[in-house]
């Protein structure tokens, strides 16, 4: 069958959960036997999120093939199990960059270059590319209807409906139905206005997803349907859930997947298999004991900055039937005076990735605390580099050990990576290169030392993990570290780049240069997170 397209748009306010709704619909269609791909079209003018602040935009999710993308692609992967690709993410900035390169080459043959048709044609080309073995292509349009930068994207999907036909293209619009406490009522007017705005640019939604914190009465759903020109049964409540992995079954209960198939006139198919989702929900509800993990980071004001880390801890906790409690520790304010108070109840300490010197002193204090107190420690990317600095300073006596990212006047134990191998090709970088897209990005292999904790965890000596960094640890530290029971248990295949660090006489101290959180799934927790949470769960700590 030809690929069918579902475009998911949003209105009223941002952060309603378009990404989760899109991922959930993908999972429901998968359960019915369909092959699903999901794409994200972001209207902002950055070429990609790689240079955007995590406290503004959340984490940067990295695909296997090395694309820096919006965090929603992480939801897509976790809910469907399908690895996203570079061709699954585009921004207005990338579209315009492509357009201007084509114009400079003379590809438009002297024509005046305009939003319509030239920008919209490029957007449509992106949507229609690379569709092999895809039954349903779900495309989430970032932002909300009415955003000026989103207009070319809305125009593009309007055109596609005309070009491909109503039988192959459907529109789902996510809106807000707020509850006003003083009136003791749910209000439908924001949804009505949002759909009116959408219809004014030529798009009539086929299905409405209505976000609400409580059940929407039938009378209100009928009112929405009447004013928005759709059937009553196509007004689908998208209610709050306690855990995001309850969202697919919650939407199924309210008929989302059934109404989508009806919209495409699909009346037959295999019996859906939701067993794995029922199992996850059962595990979530069966958790009794709590495990407390301290995340010591510099972007803790916005938890989305560590979205994949949070979800990976959640996956591991669900697997071990534990209730996850995260203690957010702002590394910028962590000192020797308050560290005991801040970390006294943590059963595990995690230092995630990040950039820049600010806040690293607090992270180093937390790493030393975990090392000396024998508390399970997981360091990711910057968390491995800072563990190297802490060990070099406090065990090996290299008092000025540091990273050249933070200081040129130091003994550099971490330095700018200027050359590495990618797909049998030498990749080179320098200090003067552009910041965007110039890091070591995507999947790279790692060889694990036999009889190490890492080998025990992975049950393998050869792994592949996703990277996002431009600074690398000096491998020549290995001999000095070995004298203190510290060793690099994972290296790049050429033996030059340290990938995993562990301490032999510590119950659980592992740091990695890569980002294991990018590969964790609710049905398959990442081995490192699974082992870390298990070790943390076995530690009993007393609050002072």
Protein backbone atom coordinates (compact mmCIF):
# COMPACT_ATOMS: atom_id res chain seq x y z
CA UNK A 1 0.00 0.00 0.00
CA UNK A 2 1.11 3.59 -0.61
CA UNK A 3 2.41 5.44 2.43
CA UNK A 4 -0.28 7.30 4.33
CA UNK A 5 0.56 10.59 6.06
CA UNK A 6 -0.65 11.93 9.41
CA UNK A 7 0.30 15.49 10.30
CA UNK A 8 0.12 16.42 13.98
CA UNK A 9 -0.19 20.12 14.78
CA UNK A 10 -0.69 22.02 18.01
CA UNK A 11 -2.62 25.03 19.20
CA UNK A 12 -3.44 27.32 22.14
CA UNK A 13 -0.13 26.91 24.02
CA UNK A 14 3.15 25.06 23.64
CA UNK A 15 4.26 22.06 25.72
CA UNK A 16 0.92 20.27 25.44
CA UNK A 17 2.66 17.02 24.52
CA UNK A 18 2.54 16.76 20.73
CA UNK A 19 5.68 14.65 20.80
CA UNK A 20 4.24 12.17 23.29
CA UNK A 21 0.91 12.07 21.45
CA UNK A 22 2.71 11.43 18.16
CA UNK A 23 4.90 8.73 19.67
CA UNK A 24 1.88 7.12 21.33
CA UNK A 25 -0.06 7.02 18.06
CA UNK A 26 2.97 5.46 16.38
CA UNK A 27 3.07 2.77 19.07
CA UNK A 28 -0.66 2.05 18.68
CA UNK A 29 -0.38 1.67 14.91
CA UNK A 30 2.65 -0.59 15.40
CA UNK A 31 0.60 -2.78 17.73
CA UNK A 32 -1.81 -3.23 14.84
CA UNK A 33 0.95 -4.53 12.58
CA UNK A 34 1.81 -1.40 10.60
CA UNK A 35 5.28 -0.10 9.79
CA UNK A 36 5.58 3.41 11.18
CA UNK A 37 8.07 6.26 10.71
CA UNK A 38 7.93 9.54 12.62
CA UNK A 39 9.40 12.88 11.60
CA UNK A 40 9.75 16.26 13.29
CA UNK A 41 9.54 19.56 11.40
CA UNK A 42 10.68 22.48 13.58
CA UNK A 43 9.98 26.05 12.39
CA UNK A 44 12.86 27.76 14.24
CA UNK A 45 15.72 29.21 12.19
CA UNK A 46 18.58 27.30 13.84
CA UNK A 47 19.98 24.74 11.41
CA UNK A 48 19.65 22.18 14.21
CA UNK A 49 19.36 22.33 18.03
CA UNK A 50 23.08 21.62 18.50
CA UNK A 51 24.01 25.19 19.45
CA UNK A 52 20.84 25.93 21.44
CA UNK A 53 20.87 26.28 25.23
CA UNK A 54 19.54 23.19 27.05
CA UNK A 55 17.72 25.48 29.49
CA UNK A 56 15.77 27.00 26.60
CA UNK A 57 15.13 24.04 24.35
CA UNK A 58 15.86 20.95 26.41
CA UNK A 59 18.30 18.21 25.54
CA UNK A 60 19.74 17.53 22.10
CA UNK A 61 18.89 14.01 20.99
CA UNK A 62 21.51 12.37 18.75
CA UNK A 63 20.59 9.75 16.17
CA UNK A 64 22.64 6.70 15.20
CA UNK A 65 23.84 8.48 12.05
CA UNK A 66 24.96 11.56 13.97
CA UNK A 67 22.17 14.10 13.58
CA UNK A 68 21.58 16.57 16.43
CA UNK A 69 17.82 16.74 16.79
CA UNK A 70 14.90 17.83 18.95
CA UNK A 71 14.23 15.82 22.12
CA UNK A 72 10.92 14.57 20.67
CA UNK A 73 12.88 12.15 18.49
CA UNK A 74 13.87 10.47 21.75
CA UNK A 75 10.18 9.91 22.50
CA UNK A 76 9.68 8.49 19.02
CA UNK A 77 12.51 5.98 19.50
CA UNK A 78 11.52 4.97 23.02
CA UNK A 79 7.85 4.39 22.16
CA UNK A 80 8.29 2.64 18.81
CA UNK A 81 11.73 1.03 19.16
CA UNK A 82 12.62 2.36 15.70
CA UNK A 83 15.92 4.21 15.37
CA UNK A 84 15.42 7.70 13.97
CA UNK A 85 17.59 8.90 11.12
CA UNK A 86 19.01 12.17 9.87
CA UNK A 87 16.13 12.24 7.38
CA UNK A 88 13.60 12.34 10.25
CA UNK A 89 14.40 15.84 11.49
CA UNK A 90 14.45 19.20 9.76
CA UNK A 91 14.24 22.86 10.80
CA UNK A 92 13.32 26.03 8.96
CA UNK A 93 16.99 26.97 9.28
CA UNK A 94 18.04 23.79 7.45
CA UNK A 95 15.41 24.39 4.75
CA UNK A 96 16.59 27.96 4.18
CA UNK A 97 20.26 26.90 4.25
CA UNK A 98 19.51 24.37 1.49
CA UNK A 99 17.50 26.96 -0.43
CA UNK A 100 20.25 29.59 -0.36
CA UNK A 101 22.92 27.11 -1.44
CA UNK A 102 20.74 26.15 -4.40
CA UNK A 103 20.16 29.81 -5.25
CA UNK A 104 23.90 30.58 -5.14
CA UNK A 105 24.62 27.66 -7.46
CA UNK A 106 22.10 29.03 -9.93
CA UNK A 107 19.71 26.10 -9.55
CA UNK A 108 16.68 28.36 -9.89
CA UNK A 109 17.83 29.65 -13.29
CA UNK A 110 17.30 33.32 -12.56
CA UNK A 111 13.81 32.96 -11.09
CA UNK A 112 12.77 35.09 -8.13
CA UNK A 113 13.11 32.79 -5.11
CA UNK A 114 10.01 32.89 -2.92
CA UNK A 115 8.44 31.10 0.06
CA UNK A 116 5.84 29.67 -2.31
CA UNK A 117 6.76 27.57 -4.20
CA UNK A 118 10.48 27.26 -3.41
CA UNK A 119 10.48 26.94 0.40
CA UNK A 120 7.31 24.87 0.46
CA UNK A 121 8.67 22.57 -2.27
CA UNK A 122 11.75 21.83 -0.17
CA UNK A 123 9.58 21.08 2.87
CA UNK A 124 7.45 18.70 0.80
CA UNK A 125 10.57 17.03 -0.59
CA UNK A 126 11.73 16.37 2.96
CA UNK A 127 8.37 14.89 3.96
CA UNK A 128 8.20 12.63 0.89
CA UNK A 129 11.81 11.37 0.95
CA UNK A 130 12.99 7.95 2.15
CA UNK A 131 9.63 6.22 2.54
CA UNK A 132 10.60 2.61 1.85
CA UNK A 133 8.54 0.02 3.77
CA UNK A 134 6.54 2.71 5.54
CA UNK A 135 2.78 2.23 5.97
CA UNK A 136 2.23 5.38 8.03
CA UNK A 137 4.43 8.47 8.11
CA UNK A 138 3.66 10.60 11.15
CA UNK A 139 4.94 14.17 10.92
CA UNK A 140 4.87 16.46 13.95
CA UNK A 141 4.93 20.19 13.18
CA UNK A 142 6.71 22.06 15.97
CA UNK A 143 5.33 25.18 17.60
CA UNK A 144 1.67 26.22 17.59
CA UNK A 145 -0.70 27.33 14.87
CA UNK A 146 -0.42 31.11 14.44
CA UNK A 147 3.37 31.23 14.87
CA UNK A 148 4.66 33.32 11.97
CA UNK A 149 7.69 31.09 11.36
CA UNK A 150 5.45 28.02 11.09
CA UNK A 151 3.35 29.30 8.20
CA UNK A 152 5.48 27.75 5.40
CA UNK A 153 5.15 24.34 7.10
CA UNK A 154 1.38 24.61 7.43
CA UNK A 155 1.16 25.73 3.81
CA UNK A 156 3.28 22.77 2.73
CA UNK A 157 1.07 20.18 4.41
CA UNK A 158 -2.03 21.94 3.04
CA UNK A 159 -0.58 21.55 -0.45
CA UNK A 160 0.30 17.91 0.17
CA UNK A 161 -3.29 17.08 1.08
CA UNK A 162 -4.38 18.47 -2.29
CA UNK A 163 -1.60 16.72 -4.18
CA UNK A 164 -1.79 13.27 -2.55
CA UNK A 165 -5.51 13.28 -1.89
CA UNK A 166 -7.68 13.15 1.20
CA UNK A 167 -7.44 9.33 1.25
CA UNK A 168 -3.68 9.50 1.99
CA UNK A 169 -3.36 12.60 4.20
CA UNK A 170 -5.03 13.32 7.55
CA UNK A 171 -4.62 16.12 10.07
CA UNK A 172 -4.65 15.71 13.85
CA UNK A 173 -4.74 18.89 15.94
CA UNK A 174 -3.78 18.94 19.63
CA UNK A 175 -5.39 21.66 21.73
CA UNK A 176 -6.02 22.60 25.36
CA UNK A 177 -9.33 22.35 27.20
CA UNK A 178 -8.52 24.20 30.45
CA UNK A 179 -10.42 23.90 33.71
CA UNK A 180 -11.27 27.25 35.33
CA UNK A 181 -11.54 26.62 39.12
CA UNK A 182 -13.55 29.77 39.86
CA UNK A 183 -16.18 28.79 37.29
CA UNK A 184 -15.84 25.08 38.02
CA UNK A 185 -15.96 24.48 34.26
CA UNK A 186 -13.87 23.12 31.40
CA UNK A 187 -13.65 25.75 28.68
CA UNK A 188 -13.86 24.82 24.99
CA UNK A 189 -13.32 28.30 23.54
CA UNK A 190 -9.49 28.01 23.26
CA UNK A 191 -9.94 24.86 21.16
CA UNK A 192 -12.57 26.57 18.99
CA UNK A 193 -10.27 29.53 18.33
CA UNK A 194 -7.29 27.29 17.61
CA UNK A 195 -9.23 25.31 15.01
CA UNK A 196 -10.57 28.55 13.54
CA UNK A 197 -6.97 29.75 13.12
CA UNK A 198 -6.02 26.45 11.47
CA UNK A 199 -9.00 26.55 9.10
CA UNK A 200 -8.15 30.13 8.13
CA UNK A 201 -4.97 28.83 6.48
CA UNK A 202 -6.80 26.07 4.67
CA UNK A 203 -6.45 23.10 7.03
CA UNK A 204 -9.49 21.31 8.43
CA UNK A 205 -8.46 18.87 11.17
CA UNK A 206 -9.86 15.35 10.91
CA UNK A 207 -9.29 14.50 14.58
CA UNK A 208 -8.90 16.69 17.65
CA UNK A 209 -6.82 15.62 20.62
CA UNK A 210 -8.01 17.64 23.61
CA UNK A 211 -5.55 17.94 26.50
CA UNK A 212 -7.28 18.16 29.85
CA UNK A 213 -6.54 17.37 33.47
CA UNK A 214 -9.92 15.66 33.96
CA UNK A 215 -12.58 13.84 31.98
CA UNK A 216 -14.27 15.95 29.32
CA UNK A 217 -18.07 15.55 29.55
CA UNK A 218 -19.89 14.28 26.48
CA UNK A 219 -21.74 17.56 26.21
CA UNK A 220 -18.46 19.48 25.91
CA UNK A 221 -17.08 17.05 23.34
CA UNK A 222 -20.26 17.48 21.26
CA UNK A 223 -19.90 21.24 21.52
CA UNK A 224 -16.31 21.08 20.30
CA UNK A 225 -17.29 18.79 17.42
CA UNK A 226 -20.12 21.11 16.35
CA UNK A 227 -18.04 24.28 16.35
CA UNK A 228 -14.98 22.61 14.79
CA UNK A 229 -16.85 20.80 12.00
CA UNK A 230 -15.90 17.22 12.91
CA UNK A 231 -17.73 14.13 14.16
CA UNK A 232 -18.34 13.69 17.88
CA UNK A 233 -16.24 10.52 17.98
CA UNK A 234 -13.27 12.39 16.46
CA UNK A 235 -12.94 14.56 19.57
CA UNK A 236 -10.46 12.46 21.58
CA UNK A 237 -9.64 13.34 25.21
CA UNK A 238 -5.90 13.34 25.91
CA UNK A 239 -5.94 13.21 29.68
CA UNK A 240 -3.10 13.58 32.15
CA UNK A 241 -1.36 10.35 33.14
CA UNK A 242 0.91 9.64 36.09
CA UNK A 243 3.55 8.02 33.89
CA UNK A 244 4.11 8.82 30.21
CA UNK A 245 4.16 5.11 29.33
CA UNK A 246 0.50 4.98 30.22
CA UNK A 247 -0.28 7.44 27.40
CA UNK A 248 -0.65 4.94 24.49
CA UNK A 249 -3.24 2.80 26.27
CA UNK A 250 -4.99 5.89 27.62
CA UNK A 251 -5.39 7.23 24.06
CA UNK A 252 -6.45 3.79 22.82
CA UNK A 253 -9.12 3.66 25.52
CA UNK A 254 -10.51 6.92 24.14
CA UNK A 255 -10.43 5.57 20.58
CA UNK A 256 -7.56 7.42 18.92
CA UNK A 257 -6.16 4.56 16.83
CA UNK A 258 -9.64 3.34 15.92
CA UNK A 259 -10.68 6.77 14.66
CA UNK A 260 -7.43 7.20 12.71
CA UNK A 261 -8.03 3.93 10.84
CA UNK A 262 -11.65 4.91 10.20
CA UNK A 263 -10.47 8.22 8.78
CA UNK A 264 -8.40 6.27 6.25
CA UNK A 265 -11.34 3.90 5.59
CA UNK A 266 -9.37 0.97 7.00
CA UNK A 267 -11.93 -1.39 8.47
CA UNK A 268 -10.00 -4.66 8.58
CA UNK A 269 -6.61 -5.72 9.88
CA UNK A 270 -4.85 -7.93 12.38
CA UNK A 271 -5.96 -8.01 15.99
CA UNK A 272 -3.88 -5.42 17.90
CA UNK A 273 -1.29 -6.70 20.37
CA UNK A 274 -0.96 -4.32 23.31
CA UNK A 275 0.55 -6.91 25.66
CA UNK A 276 3.90 -5.16 26.10
CA UNK A 277 2.15 -1.92 27.04
CA UNK A 278 -0.08 -3.70 29.54
CA UNK A 279 3.05 -5.32 30.99
CA UNK A 280 4.84 -1.97 31.40
CA UNK A 281 1.81 -0.47 33.15
CA UNK A 282 1.63 -3.50 35.44
CA UNK A 283 5.31 -3.10 36.36
CA UNK A 284 4.84 0.61 37.04
CA UNK A 285 1.93 -0.02 39.38
CA UNK A 286 3.62 -2.92 41.15
CA UNK A 287 6.63 -0.88 42.29
CA UNK A 288 6.84 -0.52 46.07
CA UNK A 289 10.32 0.38 47.30
CA UNK A 290 11.89 3.70 46.36
CA UNK A 291 15.35 4.32 44.93
CA UNK A 292 16.82 7.83 45.20
CA UNK A 293 19.23 9.04 42.52
CA UNK A 294 20.93 12.43 42.75
CA UNK A 295 21.48 14.11 39.38
CA UNK A 296 24.23 16.69 39.82
CA UNK A 297 24.07 19.00 36.81
CA UNK A 298 24.25 22.60 35.72
CA UNK A 299 20.94 22.73 33.79
CA UNK A 300 18.62 21.44 36.52
CA UNK A 301 16.24 24.42 36.25
CA UNK A 302 14.75 22.68 33.19
CA UNK A 303 14.44 18.93 33.63
CA UNK A 304 13.96 18.51 29.85
CA UNK A 305 17.67 19.32 29.56
CA UNK A 306 18.22 15.76 30.86
CA UNK A 307 15.12 14.14 29.36
CA UNK A 308 16.77 10.95 28.08
CA UNK A 309 18.71 10.52 31.33
CA UNK A 310 15.47 10.76 33.32
CA UNK A 311 13.71 8.27 31.05
CA UNK A 312 16.64 5.83 31.18
CA UNK A 313 16.56 5.90 34.99
CA UNK A 314 12.82 5.38 34.75
CA UNK A 315 13.25 2.36 32.45
CA UNK A 316 15.74 0.77 34.83
CA UNK A 317 13.57 1.51 37.87
CA UNK A 318 10.49 0.01 36.20
CA UNK A 319 12.51 -3.08 35.32
CA UNK A 320 13.62 -3.47 38.96
CA UNK A 321 10.11 -2.67 40.26
CA UNK A 322 11.30 0.47 42.03
CA UNK A 323 9.78 3.89 42.40
CA UNK A 324 12.29 6.41 41.10
CA UNK A 325 12.99 9.49 43.19
CA UNK A 326 15.29 12.04 41.56
CA UNK A 327 17.07 14.60 43.74
CA UNK A 328 18.02 17.56 41.55
CA UNK A 329 21.34 19.06 42.68
CA UNK A 330 22.44 22.33 41.11
CA UNK A 331 26.18 21.88 40.68
CA UNK A 332 26.67 25.64 40.53
CA UNK A 333 25.69 25.93 44.21
CA UNK A 334 27.20 22.68 45.55
CA UNK A 335 30.04 23.31 48.02
CA UNK A 336 32.07 21.43 50.61
CA UNK A 337 29.88 23.01 53.29
CA UNK A 338 26.54 21.82 51.93
CA UNK A 339 27.46 18.62 50.08
CA UNK A 340 26.64 16.32 53.01
CA UNK A 341 23.23 17.92 53.43
CA UNK A 342 22.52 17.72 49.67
CA UNK A 343 23.71 14.15 49.05
CA UNK A 344 23.23 12.40 52.40
CA UNK A 345 20.22 10.35 51.25
CA UNK A 346 21.27 9.64 47.66
CA UNK A 347 21.66 5.95 46.89
CA UNK A 348 23.29 6.73 43.56
CA UNK A 349 24.95 9.81 42.08
CA UNK A 350 24.85 10.67 38.38
CA UNK A 351 26.78 13.47 36.67
CA UNK A 352 25.44 14.00 33.14
CA UNK A 353 26.84 15.76 30.08
CA UNK A 354 27.28 19.50 29.66
CA UNK A 355 29.50 22.25 28.29
CA UNK A 356 31.56 25.03 29.84
CA UNK A 357 33.40 25.45 33.13
CA UNK A 358 30.62 26.93 35.27
CA UNK A 359 29.29 24.37 37.71
CA UNK A 360 32.10 21.85 37.19
CA UNK A 361 33.63 22.48 40.63
CA UNK A 362 30.41 21.24 42.24
CA UNK A 363 30.35 18.20 39.98
CA UNK A 364 33.92 17.33 40.92
CA UNK A 365 32.98 17.58 44.62
CA UNK A 366 30.07 15.18 44.01
CA UNK A 367 32.34 12.73 42.17
CA UNK A 368 34.85 12.73 45.02
CA UNK A 369 32.00 12.26 47.49
CA UNK A 370 30.72 9.22 45.55
CA UNK A 371 34.21 7.76 45.20
CA UNK A 372 35.20 8.14 48.83
CA UNK A 373 31.81 7.19 50.33
CA UNK A 374 31.51 4.13 48.04
CA UNK A 375 28.21 5.36 46.60
CA UNK A 376 27.29 4.03 43.12
CA UNK A 377 28.38 6.60 40.54
CA UNK A 378 27.52 6.95 36.85
CA UNK A 379 29.30 9.67 34.88
CA UNK A 380 28.21 10.49 31.35
CA UNK A 381 30.40 12.39 28.86
CA UNK A 382 31.38 15.46 30.94
CA UNK A 383 30.76 13.21 33.95
CA UNK A 384 33.61 10.96 32.76
CA UNK A 385 35.93 13.86 31.95
CA UNK A 386 35.40 15.39 35.39
CA UNK A 387 35.89 12.00 37.06
CA UNK A 388 39.24 11.82 35.27
CA UNK A 389 40.15 15.28 36.55
CA UNK A 390 39.05 14.45 40.11
CA UNK A 391 41.06 11.22 40.18
CA UNK A 392 44.11 12.88 38.63
CA UNK A 393 44.03 15.64 41.24
CA UNK A 394 43.12 13.74 44.38
CA UNK A 395 44.59 10.27 43.82
CA UNK A 396 47.49 10.89 41.45
CA UNK A 397 48.59 14.22 42.93
CA UNK A 398 48.33 16.22 39.69
CA UNK A 399 46.97 19.30 41.43
CA UNK A 400 46.51 21.43 38.28
CA UNK A 401 44.90 18.64 36.24
CA UNK A 402 42.15 20.09 34.10
CA UNK A 403 40.51 20.21 30.69
CA UNK A 404 41.67 22.64 28.03
CA UNK A 405 37.97 23.46 27.62
CA UNK A 406 38.22 25.26 30.98
CA UNK A 407 41.83 26.42 31.18
CA UNK A 408 44.94 26.57 28.99
CA UNK A 409 47.16 26.97 32.06
CA UNK A 410 46.95 23.46 33.43
CA UNK A 411 48.17 19.91 33.10
CA UNK A 412 45.75 18.86 30.36
CA UNK A 413 44.21 15.49 31.16
CA UNK A 414 41.29 16.32 28.83
CA UNK A 415 41.89 18.13 25.55
CA UNK A 416 40.28 19.13 22.26
CA UNK A 417 39.89 16.16 19.96
CA UNK A 418 41.40 17.15 16.62
CA UNK A 419 41.27 13.86 14.75
CA UNK A 420 39.32 10.60 14.86
CA UNK A 421 38.12 7.80 12.61
CA UNK A 422 34.52 7.65 11.32
CA UNK A 423 33.51 4.90 8.87
CA UNK A 424 37.18 4.27 7.97
CA UNK A 425 37.69 7.98 7.21
CA UNK A 426 39.85 10.44 9.18
CA UNK A 427 37.79 13.36 10.56
CA UNK A 428 39.68 16.53 11.58
CA UNK A 429 38.64 19.50 13.73
CA UNK A 430 40.33 22.64 15.09
CA UNK A 431 39.60 25.43 17.59
CA UNK A 432 38.57 27.75 14.75
CA UNK A 433 35.87 25.46 13.34
CA UNK A 434 32.19 26.36 13.57
CA UNK A 435 30.51 25.09 16.73
CA UNK A 436 27.44 23.58 15.09
CA UNK A 437 27.64 19.97 13.91
CA UNK A 438 31.41 19.68 14.45
CA UNK A 439 31.53 17.32 17.42
CA UNK A 440 32.10 13.59 17.40
CA UNK A 441 28.49 12.65 16.72
CA UNK A 442 26.56 9.42 16.38
CA UNK A 443 27.36 5.74 16.74
CA UNK A 444 30.96 4.61 17.35
CA UNK A 445 32.34 1.19 18.35
CA UNK A 446 34.02 0.44 21.67
CA UNK A 447 36.16 -2.53 22.72
CA UNK A 448 35.67 -3.60 26.34
CA UNK A 449 38.37 -5.13 28.53
CA UNK A 450 37.79 -8.75 29.53
CA UNK A 451 36.87 -9.47 33.17
CA UNK A 452 35.89 -5.82 33.75
CA UNK A 453 32.69 -4.59 35.34
CA UNK A 454 31.74 -3.18 31.94
CA UNK A 455 32.05 -6.62 30.32
CA UNK A 456 29.90 -8.10 33.07
CA UNK A 457 27.25 -5.44 32.49
CA UNK A 458 27.18 -5.60 28.71
CA UNK A 459 27.89 -9.36 28.42
CA UNK A 460 30.05 -8.44 25.44
CA UNK A 461 33.48 -7.13 24.52
CA UNK A 462 32.28 -5.15 21.51
CA UNK A 463 29.57 -2.49 21.75
CA UNK A 464 28.41 0.58 19.82
CA UNK A 465 27.20 3.73 21.53
CA UNK A 466 26.20 7.24 20.53
CA UNK A 467 28.55 10.18 21.12
CA UNK A 468 28.31 13.96 21.32
CA UNK A 469 31.52 15.66 22.43
CA UNK A 470 34.58 17.50 21.18
CA UNK A 471 36.99 16.94 24.09
CA UNK A 472 38.76 13.67 24.81
CA UNK A 473 40.60 12.12 27.77
CA UNK A 474 44.39 11.67 27.61
CA UNK A 475 45.00 7.92 27.46
CA UNK A 476 48.56 8.34 28.77
CA UNK A 477 47.03 8.62 32.25
CA UNK A 478 46.43 4.85 32.22
CA UNK A 479 49.65 3.90 34.04
CA UNK A 480 49.19 6.52 36.76
CA UNK A 481 45.56 5.52 37.23
CA UNK A 482 46.38 1.81 37.42
CA UNK A 483 48.41 2.38 40.59
CA UNK A 484 45.20 3.47 42.29
CA UNK A 485 42.91 0.77 40.92
CA UNK A 486 41.46 3.00 38.20
CA UNK A 487 41.47 1.80 34.60
CA UNK A 488 39.97 2.43 31.19
CA UNK A 489 37.83 -0.63 30.59
CA UNK A 490 36.58 0.55 27.22
CA UNK A 491 38.60 1.96 24.32
CA UNK A 492 38.06 2.88 20.70
CA UNK A 493 39.04 -0.01 18.36
CA UNK A 494 42.40 1.66 17.60
CA UNK A 495 43.11 1.80 21.35
CA UNK A 496 43.60 5.57 21.39
CA UNK A 497 40.39 6.98 22.85
CA UNK A 498 39.17 6.07 26.36
CA UNK A 499 35.46 5.26 26.33
CA UNK A 500 34.78 3.74 29.77
CA UNK A 501 36.46 4.33 33.14
CA UNK A 502 35.92 2.24 36.26
CA UNK A 503 37.40 1.77 39.73
CA UNK A 504 38.16 -1.81 40.70
CA UNK A 505 37.79 -1.49 44.50
CA UNK A 506 34.56 0.52 44.36
CA UNK A 507 31.14 -1.20 44.54
CA UNK A 508 29.96 0.59 41.37
CA UNK A 509 31.90 3.46 39.82
CA UNK A 510 31.61 3.71 36.04
CA UNK A 511 31.96 6.69 33.75
CA UNK A 512 31.57 6.68 29.97
CA UNK A 513 32.45 9.14 27.22
CA UNK A 514 29.35 8.22 25.20
CA UNK A 515 25.67 8.82 25.98
CA UNK A 516 24.02 5.51 26.93
CA UNK A 517 20.74 7.28 27.70
CA UNK A 518 20.15 7.74 23.97
CA UNK A 519 19.66 4.00 23.46
CA UNK A 520 17.51 3.04 26.43
CA UNK A 521 13.93 1.86 25.86
CA UNK A 522 11.13 1.10 28.35
CA UNK A 523 11.05 -2.50 27.11
CA UNK A 524 14.85 -2.79 27.03
CA UNK A 525 16.57 -0.67 29.71
CA UNK A 526 20.14 0.24 28.87
CA UNK A 527 22.54 -2.20 30.59
CA UNK A 528 24.52 0.57 32.31
CA UNK A 529 21.41 2.19 33.76
CA UNK A 530 19.97 -1.17 34.74
CA UNK A 531 23.13 -2.13 36.62
CA UNK A 532 23.49 1.35 38.16
CA UNK A 533 19.93 1.37 39.54
CA UNK A 534 20.37 -2.19 40.83
CA UNK A 535 23.54 -1.16 42.68
CA UNK A 536 21.86 1.97 44.05
CA UNK A 537 18.85 -0.03 45.20
CA UNK A 538 21.07 -2.26 47.32
CA UNK A 539 22.58 0.71 49.17
CA UNK A 540 20.93 1.79 52.39
CA UNK A 541 21.69 5.35 53.48
CA UNK A 542 20.66 7.15 56.63
CA UNK A 543 19.68 10.78 56.68
CA UNK A 544 21.62 12.77 59.28
